[in-house]
Amino acid sequence: MRYNVGCLNASTQAARVNFELYRSDGTMLGTESLILMPLGNDQLNRIFGPYQPVTGYIDYWSDLPMGSIYCYGSVLDNVTSDPTTIPPQ
């Protein structure tokens, strides 16, 4: 399996989105970030790649007001590339 995280920027301002990656027991694995252009979207592929095998979660935030950034996870089967979307919780 491979794990991606994608984000959309609903604002007319560029924004940095910060991510903290955790194991399911709450142990922090690392951090990532990306810059989203105004009204843009981007994706970090294989975000848990360096930590495999792992079961975990991601916290994210930005400097824009609440509701300006929307992020989601996706899980893909490496053999078939069948995707599943993971909405924020």
N, C-alpha and C. Protein backbone atom coordinates (compact mmCIF):
# COMPACT_ATOMS: atom_id res chain seq x y z
N MET A 1 0.84 -1.17 0.00
CA MET A 1 0.00 0.00 0.00
C MET A 1 0.89 1.23 0.00
N ARG A 2 0.36 2.29 -0.58
CA ARG A 2 1.04 3.59 -0.48
C ARG A 2 0.04 4.63 -0.02
N TYR A 3 0.53 5.58 0.73
CA TYR A 3 -0.32 6.56 1.41
C TYR A 3 0.06 7.96 0.94
N ASN A 4 -0.94 8.71 0.48
CA ASN A 4 -0.74 10.08 0.02
C ASN A 4 -1.62 11.00 0.85
N VAL A 5 -1.27 12.28 0.87
CA VAL A 5 -2.13 13.30 1.47
C VAL A 5 -2.22 14.45 0.48
N GLY A 6 -3.46 14.85 0.18
CA GLY A 6 -3.69 15.95 -0.74
C GLY A 6 -4.39 17.09 -0.03
N CYS A 7 -4.15 18.32 -0.50
CA CYS A 7 -4.75 19.49 0.13
C CYS A 7 -5.24 20.47 -0.92
N LEU A 8 -6.32 21.16 -0.59
CA LEU A 8 -6.90 22.20 -1.43
C LEU A 8 -6.89 23.51 -0.67
N ASN A 9 -6.58 24.60 -1.37
CA ASN A 9 -6.58 25.93 -0.76
C ASN A 9 -7.77 26.71 -1.33
N ALA A 10 -8.75 27.01 -0.49
CA ALA A 10 -9.94 27.75 -0.92
C ALA A 10 -9.76 29.26 -0.77
N SER A 11 -8.55 29.68 -0.40
CA SER A 11 -8.26 31.09 -0.17
C SER A 11 -7.59 31.72 -1.39
N THR A 12 -7.62 33.03 -1.44
CA THR A 12 -6.91 33.76 -2.50
C THR A 12 -5.49 34.13 -2.05
N GLN A 13 -5.03 33.54 -0.95
CA GLN A 13 -3.68 33.73 -0.44
C GLN A 13 -2.92 32.42 -0.49
N ALA A 14 -1.62 32.49 -0.77
CA ALA A 14 -0.78 31.29 -0.68
C ALA A 14 -0.68 30.88 0.79
N ALA A 15 -0.47 29.59 1.03
CA ALA A 15 -0.41 29.10 2.41
C ALA A 15 0.57 27.95 2.53
N ARG A 16 1.27 27.91 3.65
CA ARG A 16 2.07 26.74 4.01
C ARG A 16 1.17 25.82 4.83
N VAL A 17 1.15 24.53 4.46
CA VAL A 17 0.42 23.53 5.22
C VAL A 17 1.47 22.65 5.89
N ASN A 18 1.35 22.50 7.20
CA ASN A 18 2.29 21.71 7.99
C ASN A 18 1.64 20.39 8.38
N PHE A 19 2.44 19.34 8.39
CA PHE A 19 1.97 18.00 8.72
C PHE A 19 2.86 17.41 9.81
N GLU A 20 2.25 16.74 10.77
CA GLU A 20 2.97 15.93 11.74
C GLU A 20 2.49 14.50 11.55
N LEU A 21 3.41 13.57 11.37
CA LEU A 21 3.09 12.17 11.16
C LEU A 21 3.30 11.40 12.46
N TYR A 22 2.31 10.56 12.80
CA TYR A 22 2.34 9.81 14.05
C TYR A 22 2.07 8.33 13.81
N ARG A 23 2.65 7.49 14.66
CA ARG A 23 2.23 6.09 14.75
C ARG A 23 0.86 6.08 15.45
N SER A 24 0.14 5.00 15.31
CA SER A 24 -1.19 4.91 15.93
C SER A 24 -1.14 5.04 17.45
N ASP A 25 0.02 4.77 18.08
CA ASP A 25 0.14 4.91 19.54
C ASP A 25 0.49 6.33 19.96
N GLY A 26 0.58 7.28 18.99
CA GLY A 26 0.86 8.67 19.30
C GLY A 26 2.32 9.07 19.21
N THR A 27 3.20 8.13 18.91
CA THR A 27 4.62 8.45 18.76
C THR A 27 4.83 9.23 17.47
N MET A 28 5.46 10.42 17.58
CA MET A 28 5.70 11.22 16.38
C MET A 28 6.80 10.59 15.53
N LEU A 29 6.51 10.52 14.22
CA LEU A 29 7.47 9.96 13.27
C LEU A 29 8.28 11.04 12.57
N GLY A 30 7.64 12.16 12.25
CA GLY A 30 8.33 13.20 11.51
C GLY A 30 7.39 14.30 11.10
N THR A 31 7.92 15.25 10.33
CA THR A 31 7.13 16.38 9.85
C THR A 31 7.35 16.58 8.36
N GLU A 32 6.39 17.18 7.73
CA GLU A 32 6.45 17.56 6.31
C GLU A 32 5.70 18.88 6.16
N SER A 33 5.88 19.54 5.04
CA SER A 33 5.08 20.73 4.74
C SER A 33 5.01 20.91 3.24
N LEU A 34 4.05 21.69 2.81
CA LEU A 34 3.96 22.06 1.40
C LEU A 34 3.37 23.45 1.31
N ILE A 35 3.65 24.12 0.20
CA ILE A 35 3.11 25.45 -0.08
C ILE A 35 1.97 25.27 -1.08
N LEU A 36 0.80 25.80 -0.74
CA LEU A 36 -0.34 25.78 -1.66
C LEU A 36 -0.52 27.18 -2.21
N MET A 37 -0.58 27.28 -3.50
CA MET A 37 -0.82 28.56 -4.15
C MET A 37 -2.30 28.94 -3.96
N PRO A 38 -2.65 30.21 -4.16
CA PRO A 38 -4.05 30.63 -4.02
C PRO A 38 -4.97 29.77 -4.91
N LEU A 39 -6.04 29.28 -4.32
CA LEU A 39 -7.03 28.43 -5.00
C LEU A 39 -6.38 27.20 -5.63
N GLY A 40 -5.27 26.77 -5.08
CA GLY A 40 -4.52 25.65 -5.65
C GLY A 40 -4.71 24.36 -4.87
N ASN A 41 -4.12 23.31 -5.41
CA ASN A 41 -4.10 22.02 -4.73
C ASN A 41 -2.79 21.32 -5.02
N ASP A 42 -2.41 20.43 -4.12
CA ASP A 42 -1.17 19.67 -4.29
C ASP A 42 -1.27 18.40 -3.45
N GLN A 43 -0.32 17.51 -3.65
CA GLN A 43 -0.35 16.22 -2.98
C GLN A 43 1.06 15.80 -2.62
N LEU A 44 1.22 15.23 -1.42
CA LEU A 44 2.47 14.60 -1.02
C LEU A 44 2.29 13.10 -1.19
N ASN A 45 3.08 12.51 -2.05
CA ASN A 45 2.97 11.08 -2.34
C ASN A 45 3.82 10.27 -1.38
N ARG A 46 3.32 9.08 -1.06
CA ARG A 46 4.06 8.13 -0.23
C ARG A 46 4.56 8.79 1.06
N ILE A 47 3.69 9.52 1.73
CA ILE A 47 4.08 10.31 2.90
C ILE A 47 4.60 9.44 4.05
N PHE A 48 4.11 8.21 4.19
CA PHE A 48 4.60 7.32 5.23
C PHE A 48 5.71 6.39 4.72
N GLY A 49 6.17 6.58 3.49
CA GLY A 49 7.17 5.71 2.88
C GLY A 49 8.40 5.45 3.73
N PRO A 50 9.03 6.49 4.30
CA PRO A 50 10.24 6.26 5.10
C PRO A 50 9.99 5.49 6.40
N TYR A 51 8.73 5.33 6.80
CA TYR A 51 8.42 4.72 8.09
C TYR A 51 7.75 3.36 7.96
N GLN A 52 7.67 2.81 6.77
CA GLN A 52 6.97 1.54 6.54
C GLN A 52 7.69 0.39 7.22
N PRO A 53 7.00 -0.60 7.73
CA PRO A 53 5.53 -0.65 7.82
C PRO A 53 5.06 0.16 9.03
N VAL A 54 3.95 0.84 8.89
CA VAL A 54 3.42 1.66 9.98
C VAL A 54 1.91 1.80 9.83
N THR A 55 1.24 1.86 10.95
CA THR A 55 -0.16 2.26 11.01
C THR A 55 -0.15 3.59 11.74
N GLY A 56 -0.69 4.62 11.12
CA GLY A 56 -0.57 5.93 11.75
C GLY A 56 -1.61 6.92 11.28
N TYR A 57 -1.36 8.16 11.65
CA TYR A 57 -2.25 9.26 11.28
C TYR A 57 -1.44 10.53 11.12
N ILE A 58 -2.09 11.56 10.57
CA ILE A 58 -1.44 12.83 10.30
C ILE A 58 -2.29 13.95 10.88
N ASP A 59 -1.64 14.89 11.56
CA ASP A 59 -2.27 16.15 11.96
C ASP A 59 -1.77 17.22 11.00
N TYR A 60 -2.65 18.14 10.60
CA TYR A 60 -2.22 19.21 9.71
C TYR A 60 -2.79 20.54 10.15
N TRP A 61 -2.12 21.62 9.77
CA TRP A 61 -2.60 22.97 10.05
C TRP A 61 -1.92 23.94 9.10
N SER A 62 -2.49 25.15 9.02
CA SER A 62 -1.89 26.21 8.21
C SER A 62 -2.08 27.52 8.94
N ASP A 63 -1.49 28.57 8.39
CA ASP A 63 -1.63 29.90 8.99
C ASP A 63 -2.87 30.64 8.50
N LEU A 64 -3.65 30.03 7.63
CA LEU A 64 -4.88 30.66 7.13
C LEU A 64 -6.04 30.38 8.08
N PRO A 65 -7.10 31.18 8.00
CA PRO A 65 -8.26 30.95 8.87
C PRO A 65 -8.88 29.57 8.65
N MET A 66 -9.52 29.07 9.68
CA MET A 66 -10.18 27.77 9.65
C MET A 66 -11.10 27.67 8.43
N GLY A 67 -11.09 26.56 7.74
CA GLY A 67 -11.95 26.35 6.59
C GLY A 67 -11.33 26.75 5.27
N SER A 68 -10.15 27.37 5.29
CA SER A 68 -9.50 27.78 4.05
C SER A 68 -8.73 26.63 3.39
N ILE A 69 -8.29 25.68 4.20
CA ILE A 69 -7.50 24.54 3.72
C ILE A 69 -8.27 23.26 4.02
N TYR A 70 -8.36 22.38 3.03
CA TYR A 70 -9.01 21.08 3.21
C TYR A 70 -8.00 20.03 2.78
N CYS A 71 -7.71 19.08 3.66
CA CYS A 71 -6.79 17.99 3.32
C CYS A 71 -7.50 16.65 3.47
N TYR A 72 -7.04 15.68 2.73
CA TYR A 72 -7.61 14.33 2.75
C TYR A 72 -6.48 13.33 2.54
N GLY A 73 -6.70 12.11 2.92
CA GLY A 73 -5.74 11.05 2.69
C GLY A 73 -6.21 10.15 1.57
N SER A 74 -5.27 9.48 0.94
CA SER A 74 -5.62 8.44 -0.03
C SER A 74 -4.69 7.26 0.17
N VAL A 75 -5.26 6.08 0.02
CA VAL A 75 -4.51 4.83 0.14
C VAL A 75 -4.66 4.10 -1.18
N LEU A 76 -3.55 3.67 -1.75
CA LEU A 76 -3.58 2.95 -3.03
C LEU A 76 -2.90 1.60 -2.89
N ASP A 77 -3.51 0.62 -3.50
CA ASP A 77 -2.93 -0.72 -3.58
C ASP A 77 -1.77 -0.66 -4.57
N ASN A 78 -0.58 -1.10 -4.17
CA ASN A 78 0.58 -1.03 -5.05
C ASN A 78 0.48 -1.94 -6.27
N VAL A 79 -0.33 -3.00 -6.20
CA VAL A 79 -0.46 -3.93 -7.32
C VAL A 79 -1.48 -3.43 -8.34
N THR A 80 -2.66 -3.04 -7.85
CA THR A 80 -3.75 -2.67 -8.76
C THR A 80 -3.94 -1.16 -8.90
N SER A 81 -3.34 -0.38 -8.01
CA SER A 81 -3.54 1.07 -7.92
C SER A 81 -4.98 1.45 -7.58
N ASP A 82 -5.76 0.51 -7.04
CA ASP A 82 -7.12 0.82 -6.58
C ASP A 82 -7.03 1.81 -5.42
N PRO A 83 -7.73 2.96 -5.53
CA PRO A 83 -7.63 3.97 -4.48
C PRO A 83 -8.78 3.93 -3.48
N THR A 84 -8.53 4.45 -2.30
CA THR A 84 -9.54 4.70 -1.30
C THR A 84 -9.24 6.06 -0.70
N THR A 85 -10.25 6.92 -0.59
CA THR A 85 -10.09 8.24 0.02
C THR A 85 -10.37 8.16 1.51
N ILE A 86 -9.55 8.84 2.30
CA ILE A 86 -9.74 8.92 3.74
C ILE A 86 -10.07 10.37 4.09
N PRO A 87 -11.35 10.68 4.41
CA PRO A 87 -11.71 12.06 4.75
C PRO A 87 -11.14 12.45 6.11
N PRO A 88 -10.98 13.76 6.37
CA PRO A 88 -10.49 14.19 7.68
C PRO A 88 -11.46 13.78 8.77
N GLN A 89 -10.90 13.54 9.95
CA GLN A 89 -11.73 13.16 11.10
C GLN A 89 -11.45 14.08 12.26
